[in-house]
């Protein structure tokens, strides 16, 4: 495995971890009692972070497999 491949793998793992954390943060704020407006805003920020990270993960995966589109990956996953 080349250094570049290992770096991409570590970067993807980091991005996937960020997605999981953001989704957990959003769930936490969705279920939190107290100031609903503050929690709603925090949940929305966490959702946005998760979506941004998903887009980055998608780009990293597509870059790792030149010529393979995300649609092809989705079909193969079904």
PDB file of N, CA and C in Angstrom:
ATOM      1  N   UNK A   1       0.847  -1.164   0.000  1.00  0.00           N
ATOM      2  CA  UNK A   1       0.000   0.000   0.000  1.00  0.00           C
ATOM      3  C   UNK A   1       0.897   1.232   0.000  1.00  0.00           C
ATOM      4  N   UNK A   2       0.632   2.173  -0.892  1.00  0.00           N
ATOM      5  CA  UNK A   2       1.442   3.382  -0.955  1.00  0.00           C
ATOM      6  C   UNK A   2       1.043   4.354   0.149  1.00  0.00           C
ATOM      7  N   UNK A   3       1.912   5.310   0.391  1.00  0.00           N
ATOM      8  CA  UNK A   3       1.620   6.326   1.405  1.00  0.00           C
ATOM      9  C   UNK A   3       0.366   7.108   1.046  1.00  0.00           C
ATOM     10  N   UNK A   4       0.184   7.381  -0.246  1.00  0.00           N
ATOM     11  CA  UNK A   4      -0.997   8.114  -0.693  1.00  0.00           C
ATOM     12  C   UNK A   4      -2.277   7.345  -0.411  1.00  0.00           C
ATOM     13  N   UNK A   5      -2.242   6.054  -0.649  1.00  0.00           N
ATOM     14  CA  UNK A   5      -3.408   5.211  -0.393  1.00  0.00           C
ATOM     15  C   UNK A   5      -3.723   5.166   1.101  1.00  0.00           C
ATOM     16  N   UNK A   6      -2.688   5.017   1.902  1.00  0.00           N
ATOM     17  CA  UNK A   6      -2.879   4.984   3.357  1.00  0.00           C
ATOM     18  C   UNK A   6      -3.433   6.310   3.846  1.00  0.00           C
ATOM     19  N   UNK A   7      -2.917   7.410   3.304  1.00  0.00           N
ATOM     20  CA  UNK A   7      -3.392   8.735   3.699  1.00  0.00           C
ATOM     21  C   UNK A   7      -4.870   8.907   3.349  1.00  0.00           C
ATOM     22  N   UNK A   8      -5.250   8.489   2.138  1.00  0.00           N
ATOM     23  CA  UNK A   8      -6.671   8.587   1.728  1.00  0.00           C
ATOM     24  C   UNK A   8      -7.546   7.741   2.638  1.00  0.00           C
ATOM     25  N   UNK A   9      -7.055   6.559   2.991  1.00  0.00           N
ATOM     26  CA  UNK A   9      -7.827   5.691   3.878  1.00  0.00           C
ATOM     27  C   UNK A   9      -8.014   6.308   5.250  1.00  0.00           C
ATOM     28  N   UNK A  10      -6.944   6.909   5.777  1.00  0.00           N
ATOM     29  CA  UNK A  10      -7.036   7.569   7.076  1.00  0.00           C
ATOM     30  C   UNK A  10      -7.960   8.783   7.006  1.00  0.00           C
ATOM     31  N   UNK A  11      -7.862   9.509   5.923  1.00  0.00           N
ATOM     32  CA  UNK A  11      -8.739  10.689   5.749  1.00  0.00           C
ATOM     33  C   UNK A  11     -10.192  10.254   5.674  1.00  0.00           C
ATOM     34  N   UNK A  12     -10.485   9.203   4.919  1.00  0.00           N
ATOM     35  CA  UNK A  12     -11.854   8.712   4.810  1.00  0.00           C
ATOM     36  C   UNK A  12     -12.355   8.228   6.167  1.00  0.00           C
ATOM     37  N   UNK A  13     -11.516   7.522   6.908  1.00  0.00           N
ATOM     38  CA  UNK A  13     -11.911   7.059   8.241  1.00  0.00           C
ATOM     39  C   UNK A  13     -12.226   8.241   9.148  1.00  0.00           C
ATOM     40  N   UNK A  14     -11.436   9.292   9.056  1.00  0.00           N
ATOM     41  CA  UNK A  14     -11.671  10.491   9.854  1.00  0.00           C
ATOM     42  C   UNK A  14     -12.997  11.163   9.465  1.00  0.00           C
ATOM     43  N   UNK A  15     -13.264  11.242   8.182  1.00  0.00           N
ATOM     44  CA  UNK A  15     -14.506  11.851   7.712  1.00  0.00           C
ATOM     45  C   UNK A  15     -15.708  11.018   8.156  1.00  0.00           C
ATOM     46  N   UNK A  16     -15.603   9.699   8.044  1.00  0.00           N
ATOM     47  CA  UNK A  16     -16.710   8.836   8.481  1.00  0.00           C
ATOM     48  C   UNK A  16     -16.955   8.974   9.981  1.00  0.00           C
ATOM     49  N   UNK A  17     -15.890   9.130  10.745  1.00  0.00           N
ATOM     50  CA  UNK A  17     -16.018   9.348  12.181  1.00  0.00           C
ATOM     51  C   UNK A  17     -16.718  10.680  12.464  1.00  0.00           C
ATOM     52  N   UNK A  18     -16.372  11.706  11.699  1.00  0.00           N
ATOM     53  CA  UNK A  18     -17.009  13.021  11.863  1.00  0.00           C
ATOM     54  C   UNK A  18     -18.501  12.941  11.540  1.00  0.00           C
ATOM     55  N   UNK A  19     -18.859  12.150  10.531  1.00  0.00           N
ATOM     56  CA  UNK A  19     -20.272  11.971  10.179  1.00  0.00           C
ATOM     57  C   UNK A  19     -21.009  11.329  11.347  1.00  0.00           C
ATOM     58  N   UNK A  20     -20.449  10.265  11.879  1.00  0.00           N
ATOM     59  CA  UNK A  20     -21.096   9.567  12.999  1.00  0.00           C
ATOM     60  C   UNK A  20     -21.253  10.493  14.201  1.00  0.00           C
ATOM     61  N   UNK A  21     -20.226  11.286  14.498  1.00  0.00           N
ATOM     62  CA  UNK A  21     -20.304  12.206  15.636  1.00  0.00           C
ATOM     63  C   UNK A  21     -21.351  13.284  15.393  1.00  0.00           C
ATOM     64  N   UNK A  22     -21.401  13.840  14.197  1.00  0.00           N
ATOM     65  CA  UNK A  22     -22.386  14.882  13.885  1.00  0.00           C
ATOM     66  C   UNK A  22     -23.803  14.329  13.962  1.00  0.00           C
ATOM     67  N   UNK A  23     -24.006  13.106  13.471  1.00  0.00           N
ATOM     68  CA  UNK A  23     -25.334  12.498  13.554  1.00  0.00           C
ATOM     69  C   UNK A  23     -25.727  12.257  15.007  1.00  0.00           C
ATOM     70  N   UNK A  24     -24.777  11.835  15.829  1.00  0.00           N
ATOM     71  CA  UNK A  24     -25.049  11.646  17.257  1.00  0.00           C
ATOM     72  C   UNK A  24     -25.371  12.982  17.927  1.00  0.00           C
ATOM     73  N   UNK A  25     -24.622  14.014  17.581  1.00  0.00           N
ATOM     74  CA  UNK A  25     -24.894  15.348  18.133  1.00  0.00           C
ATOM     75  C   UNK A  25     -26.289  15.819  17.754  1.00  0.00           C
ATOM     76  N   UNK A  26     -26.670  15.611  16.502  1.00  0.00           N
ATOM     77  CA  UNK A  26     -28.012  16.022  16.053  1.00  0.00           C
ATOM     78  C   UNK A  26     -29.085  15.272  16.826  1.00  0.00           C
ATOM     79  N   UNK A  27     -28.915  13.967  17.005  1.00  0.00           N
ATOM     80  CA  UNK A  27     -29.888  13.180  17.780  1.00  0.00           C
ATOM     81  C   UNK A  27     -29.976  13.681  19.213  1.00  0.00           C
ATOM     82  N   UNK A  28     -28.821  13.963  19.800  1.00  0.00           N
ATOM     83  CA  UNK A  28     -28.785  14.459  21.172  1.00  0.00           C
ATOM     84  C   UNK A  28     -29.587  15.755  21.291  1.00  0.00           C
ATOM     85  N   UNK A  29     -29.364  16.686  20.385  1.00  0.00           N
ATOM     86  CA  UNK A  29     -30.073  17.967  20.446  1.00  0.00           C
ATOM     87  C   UNK A  29     -31.555  17.817  20.120  1.00  0.00           C
ATOM     88  N   UNK A  30     -31.881  16.898  19.225  1.00  0.00           N
ATOM     89  CA  UNK A  30     -33.293  16.669  18.913  1.00  0.00           C
ATOM     90  C   UNK A  30     -34.061  16.170  20.136  1.00  0.00           C
ATOM     91  N   UNK A  31     -33.410  15.395  20.987  1.00  0.00           N
ATOM     92  CA  UNK A  31     -34.066  14.781  22.139  1.00  0.00           C
ATOM     93  C   UNK A  31     -33.880  15.562  23.441  1.00  0.00           C
ATOM     94  N   UNK A  32     -33.073  16.622  23.400  1.00  0.00           N
ATOM     95  CA  UNK A  32     -32.768  17.357  24.631  1.00  0.00           C
ATOM     96  C   UNK A  32     -33.929  18.229  25.091  1.00  0.00           C
ATOM     97  N   UNK A  33     -34.202  18.179  26.390  1.00  0.00           N
ATOM     98  CA  UNK A  33     -35.209  19.097  26.926  1.00  0.00           C
ATOM     99  C   UNK A  33     -34.582  20.488  27.100  1.00  0.00           C
ATOM    100  N   UNK A  34     -35.373  21.441  27.404  1.00  0.00           N
ATOM    101  CA  UNK A  34     -34.834  22.776  27.653  1.00  0.00           C
ATOM    102  C   UNK A  34     -35.151  23.714  26.520  1.00  0.00           C
ATOM    103  N   UNK A  35     -34.243  24.599  26.255  1.00  0.00           N
ATOM    104  CA  UNK A  35     -34.443  25.637  25.248  1.00  0.00           C
ATOM    105  C   UNK A  35     -34.538  25.006  23.854  1.00  0.00           C
ATOM    106  N   UNK A  36     -35.756  24.848  23.383  1.00  0.00           N
ATOM    107  CA  UNK A  36     -35.994  24.149  22.107  1.00  0.00           C
ATOM    108  C   UNK A  36     -35.356  24.887  20.925  1.00  0.00           C
ATOM    109  N   UNK A  37     -35.406  26.220  20.937  1.00  0.00           N
ATOM    110  CA  UNK A  37     -34.816  26.974  19.828  1.00  0.00           C
ATOM    111  C   UNK A  37     -33.309  26.751  19.753  1.00  0.00           C
ATOM    112  N   UNK A  38     -32.657  26.798  20.912  1.00  0.00           N
ATOM    113  CA  UNK A  38     -31.203  26.596  20.943  1.00  0.00           C
ATOM    114  C   UNK A  38     -30.845  25.186  20.482  1.00  0.00           C
ATOM    115  N   UNK A  39     -31.608  24.200  20.946  1.00  0.00           N
ATOM    116  CA  UNK A  39     -31.322  22.816  20.551  1.00  0.00           C
ATOM    117  C   UNK A  39     -31.645  22.577  19.077  1.00  0.00           C
ATOM    118  N   UNK A  40     -32.692  23.219  18.593  1.00  0.00           N
ATOM    119  CA  UNK A  40     -33.035  23.070  17.174  1.00  0.00           C
ATOM    120  C   UNK A  40     -31.926  23.641  16.293  1.00  0.00           C
ATOM    121  N   UNK A  41     -31.388  24.791  16.670  1.00  0.00           N
ATOM    122  CA  UNK A  41     -30.295  25.391  15.903  1.00  0.00           C
ATOM    123  C   UNK A  41     -29.045  24.508  15.955  1.00  0.00           C
ATOM    124  N   UNK A  42     -28.752  23.968  17.135  1.00  0.00           N
ATOM    125  CA  UNK A  42     -27.577  23.094  17.275  1.00  0.00           C
ATOM    126  C   UNK A  42     -27.757  21.818  16.453  1.00  0.00           C
ATOM    127  N   UNK A  43     -28.955  21.267  16.458  1.00  0.00           N
ATOM    128  CA  UNK A  43     -29.232  20.063  15.662  1.00  0.00           C
ATOM    129  C   UNK A  43     -29.091  20.369  14.177  1.00  0.00           C
ATOM    130  N   UNK A  44     -29.550  21.534  13.777  1.00  0.00           N
ATOM    131  CA  UNK A  44     -29.445  21.920  12.367  1.00  0.00           C
ATOM    132  C   UNK A  44     -27.978  22.077  11.955  1.00  0.00           C
ATOM    133  N   UNK A  45     -27.159  22.678  12.827  1.00  0.00           N
ATOM    134  CA  UNK A  45     -25.717  22.804  12.534  1.00  0.00           C
ATOM    135  C   UNK A  45     -25.061  21.429  12.432  1.00  0.00           C
ATOM    136  N   UNK A  46     -25.438  20.519  13.325  1.00  0.00           N
ATOM    137  CA  UNK A  46     -24.875  19.168  13.295  1.00  0.00           C
ATOM    138  C   UNK A  46     -25.296  18.434  12.022  1.00  0.00           C
ATOM    139  N   UNK A  47     -26.552  18.596  11.623  1.00  0.00           N
ATOM    140  CA  UNK A  47     -27.029  17.985  10.374  1.00  0.00           C
ATOM    141  C   UNK A  47     -26.249  18.528   9.178  1.00  0.00           C
ATOM    142  N   UNK A  48     -26.000  19.826   9.176  1.00  0.00           N
ATOM    143  CA  UNK A  48     -25.249  20.443   8.078  1.00  0.00           C
ATOM    144  C   UNK A  48     -23.814  19.893   8.045  1.00  0.00           C
ATOM    145  N   UNK A  49     -23.202  19.762   9.211  1.00  0.00           N
ATOM    146  CA  UNK A  49     -21.847  19.197   9.301  1.00  0.00           C
ATOM    147  C   UNK A  49     -21.826  17.767   8.756  1.00  0.00           C
ATOM    148  N   UNK A  50     -22.819  16.968   9.135  1.00  0.00           N
ATOM    149  CA  UNK A  50     -22.894  15.581   8.658  1.00  0.00           C
ATOM    150  C   UNK A  50     -23.050  15.544   7.140  1.00  0.00           C
ATOM    151  N   UNK A  51     -23.897  16.408   6.601  1.00  0.00           N
ATOM    152  CA  UNK A  51     -24.120  16.412   5.147  1.00  0.00           C
ATOM    153  C   UNK A  51     -22.859  16.852   4.407  1.00  0.00           C
ATOM    154  N   UNK A  52     -22.188  17.864   4.907  1.00  0.00           N
ATOM    155  CA  UNK A  52     -20.939  18.316   4.289  1.00  0.00           C
ATOM    156  C   UNK A  52     -19.897  17.196   4.318  1.00  0.00           C
ATOM    157  N   UNK A  53     -19.822  16.501   5.427  1.00  0.00           N
ATOM    158  CA  UNK A  53     -18.867  15.390   5.549  1.00  0.00           C
ATOM    159  C   UNK A  53     -19.233  14.240   4.628  1.00  0.00           C
ATOM    160  N   UNK A  54     -20.537  13.971   4.457  1.00  0.00           N
ATOM    161  CA  UNK A  54     -20.959  12.912   3.518  1.00  0.00           C
ATOM    162  C   UNK A  54     -20.531  13.248   2.094  1.00  0.00           C
ATOM    163  N   UNK A  55     -20.657  14.525   1.712  1.00  0.00           N
ATOM    164  CA  UNK A  55     -20.229  14.926   0.371  1.00  0.00           C
ATOM    165  C   UNK A  55     -18.725  14.734   0.195  1.00  0.00           C
ATOM    166  N   UNK A  56     -17.954  15.064   1.232  1.00  0.00           N
ATOM    167  CA  UNK A  56     -16.506  14.866   1.175  1.00  0.00           C
ATOM    168  C   UNK A  56     -16.169  13.379   1.090  1.00  0.00           C
ATOM    169  N   UNK A  57     -16.846  12.563   1.879  1.00  0.00           N
ATOM    170  CA  UNK A  57     -16.605  11.112   1.840  1.00  0.00           C
ATOM    171  C   UNK A  57     -16.906  10.565   0.448  1.00  0.00           C
ATOM    172  N   UNK A  58     -17.986  11.032  -0.125  1.00  0.00           N
ATOM    173  CA  UNK A  58     -18.354  10.584  -1.477  1.00  0.00           C
ATOM    174  C   UNK A  58     -17.253  10.932  -2.467  1.00  0.00           C
ATOM    175  N   UNK A  59     -16.733  12.170  -2.371  1.00  0.00           N
ATOM    176  CA  UNK A  59     -15.673  12.582  -3.293  1.00  0.00           C
ATOM    177  C   UNK A  59     -14.407  11.755  -3.076  1.00  0.00           C
ATOM    178  N   UNK A  60     -14.062  11.478  -1.819  1.00  0.00           N
ATOM    179  CA  UNK A  60     -12.881  10.656  -1.535  1.00  0.00           C
ATOM    180  C   UNK A  60     -13.035   9.252  -2.111  1.00  0.00           C
ATOM    181  N   UNK A  61     -14.224   8.685  -1.977  1.00  0.00           N
ATOM    182  CA  UNK A  61     -14.469   7.336  -2.503  1.00  0.00           C
ATOM    183  C   UNK A  61     -14.407   7.340  -4.027  1.00  0.00           C
ATOM    184  N   UNK A  62     -15.037   8.338  -4.655  1.00  0.00           N
ATOM    185  CA  UNK A  62     -15.005   8.413  -6.118  1.00  0.00           C
ATOM    186  C   UNK A  62     -13.571   8.603  -6.619  1.00  0.00           C
ATOM    187  N   UNK A  63     -12.782   9.430  -5.904  1.00  0.00           N
ATOM    188  CA  UNK A  63     -11.384   9.642  -6.309  1.00  0.00           C
ATOM    189  C   UNK A  63     -10.548   8.379  -6.155  1.00  0.00           C
ATOM    190  N   UNK A  64     -10.892   7.546  -5.197  1.00  0.00           N
ATOM    191  CA  UNK A  64     -10.142   6.298  -4.968  1.00  0.00           C
ATOM    192  C   UNK A  64     -10.409   5.266  -6.063  1.00  0.00           C
ATOM    193  N   UNK A  65     -11.540   5.413  -6.753  1.00  0.00           N
ATOM    194  CA  UNK A  65     -11.926   4.465  -7.803  1.00  0.00           C
ATOM    195  C   UNK A  65     -12.239   5.225  -9.084  1.00  0.00           C
ATOM    196  N   UNK A  66     -11.201   5.678  -9.791  1.00  0.00           N
ATOM    197  CA  UNK A  66     -11.422   6.445 -11.024  1.00  0.00           C
ATOM    198  C   UNK A  66     -12.278   5.658 -12.018  1.00  0.00           C
ATOM    199  N   UNK A  67     -13.195   6.352 -12.630  1.00  0.00           N
ATOM    200  CA  UNK A  67     -14.064   5.722 -13.621  1.00  0.00           C
ATOM    201  C   UNK A  67     -15.299   5.081 -13.018  1.00  0.00           C
ATOM    202  N   UNK A  68     -15.394   5.054 -11.699  1.00  0.00           N
ATOM    203  CA  UNK A  68     -16.554   4.482 -11.025  1.00  0.00           C
ATOM    204  C   UNK A  68     -17.363   5.639 -10.447  1.00  0.00           C
ATOM    205  N   UNK A  69     -18.612   5.735 -10.861  1.00  0.00           N
ATOM    206  CA  UNK A  69     -19.457   6.820 -10.365  1.00  0.00           C
ATOM    207  C   UNK A  69     -20.144   6.412  -9.072  1.00  0.00           C
ATOM    208  N   UNK A  70     -20.627   7.402  -8.353  1.00  0.00           N
ATOM    209  CA  UNK A  70     -21.350   7.132  -7.103  1.00  0.00           C
ATOM    210  C   UNK A  70     -22.598   6.304  -7.398  1.00  0.00           C
ATOM    211  N   UNK A  71     -23.273   6.566  -8.512  1.00  0.00           N
ATOM    212  CA  UNK A  71     -24.462   5.787  -8.876  1.00  0.00           C
ATOM    213  C   UNK A  71     -24.112   4.306  -9.029  1.00  0.00           C
ATOM    214  N   UNK A  72     -22.950   4.016  -9.597  1.00  0.00           N
ATOM    215  CA  UNK A  72     -22.519   2.620  -9.752  1.00  0.00           C
ATOM    216  C   UNK A  72     -22.276   1.990  -8.376  1.00  0.00           C
ATOM    217  N   UNK A  73     -21.675   2.744  -7.469  1.00  0.00           N
ATOM    218  CA  UNK A  73     -21.422   2.235  -6.114  1.00  0.00           C
ATOM    219  C   UNK A  73     -22.737   1.960  -5.402  1.00  0.00           C
ATOM    220  N   UNK A  74     -23.695   2.883  -5.519  1.00  0.00           N
ATOM    221  CA  UNK A  74     -25.005   2.698  -4.883  1.00  0.00           C
ATOM    222  C   UNK A  74     -25.709   1.447  -5.423  1.00  0.00           C
ATOM    223  N   UNK A  75     -25.670   1.260  -6.743  1.00  0.00           N
ATOM    224  CA  UNK A  75     -26.319   0.066  -7.327  1.00  0.00           C
ATOM    225  C   UNK A  75     -25.657  -1.213  -6.840  1.00  0.00           C
ATOM    226  N   UNK A  76     -24.339  -1.188  -6.740  1.00  0.00           N
ATOM    227  CA  UNK A  76     -23.615  -2.386  -6.281  1.00  0.00           C
ATOM    228  C   UNK A  76     -23.926  -2.683  -4.825  1.00  0.00           C
ATOM    229  N   UNK A  77     -24.226  -1.659  -4.048  1.00  0.00           N
ATOM    230  CA  UNK A  77     -24.525  -1.849  -2.630  1.00  0.00           C
ATOM    231  C   UNK A  77     -25.905  -2.447  -2.405  1.00  0.00           C
ATOM    232  N   UNK A  78     -26.765  -2.327  -3.389  1.00  0.00           N
ATOM    233  CA  UNK A  78     -28.113  -2.888  -3.247  1.00  0.00           C
ATOM    234  C   UNK A  78     -28.038  -4.351  -3.409  1.00  0.00           C
TER     235      UNK A  78
END
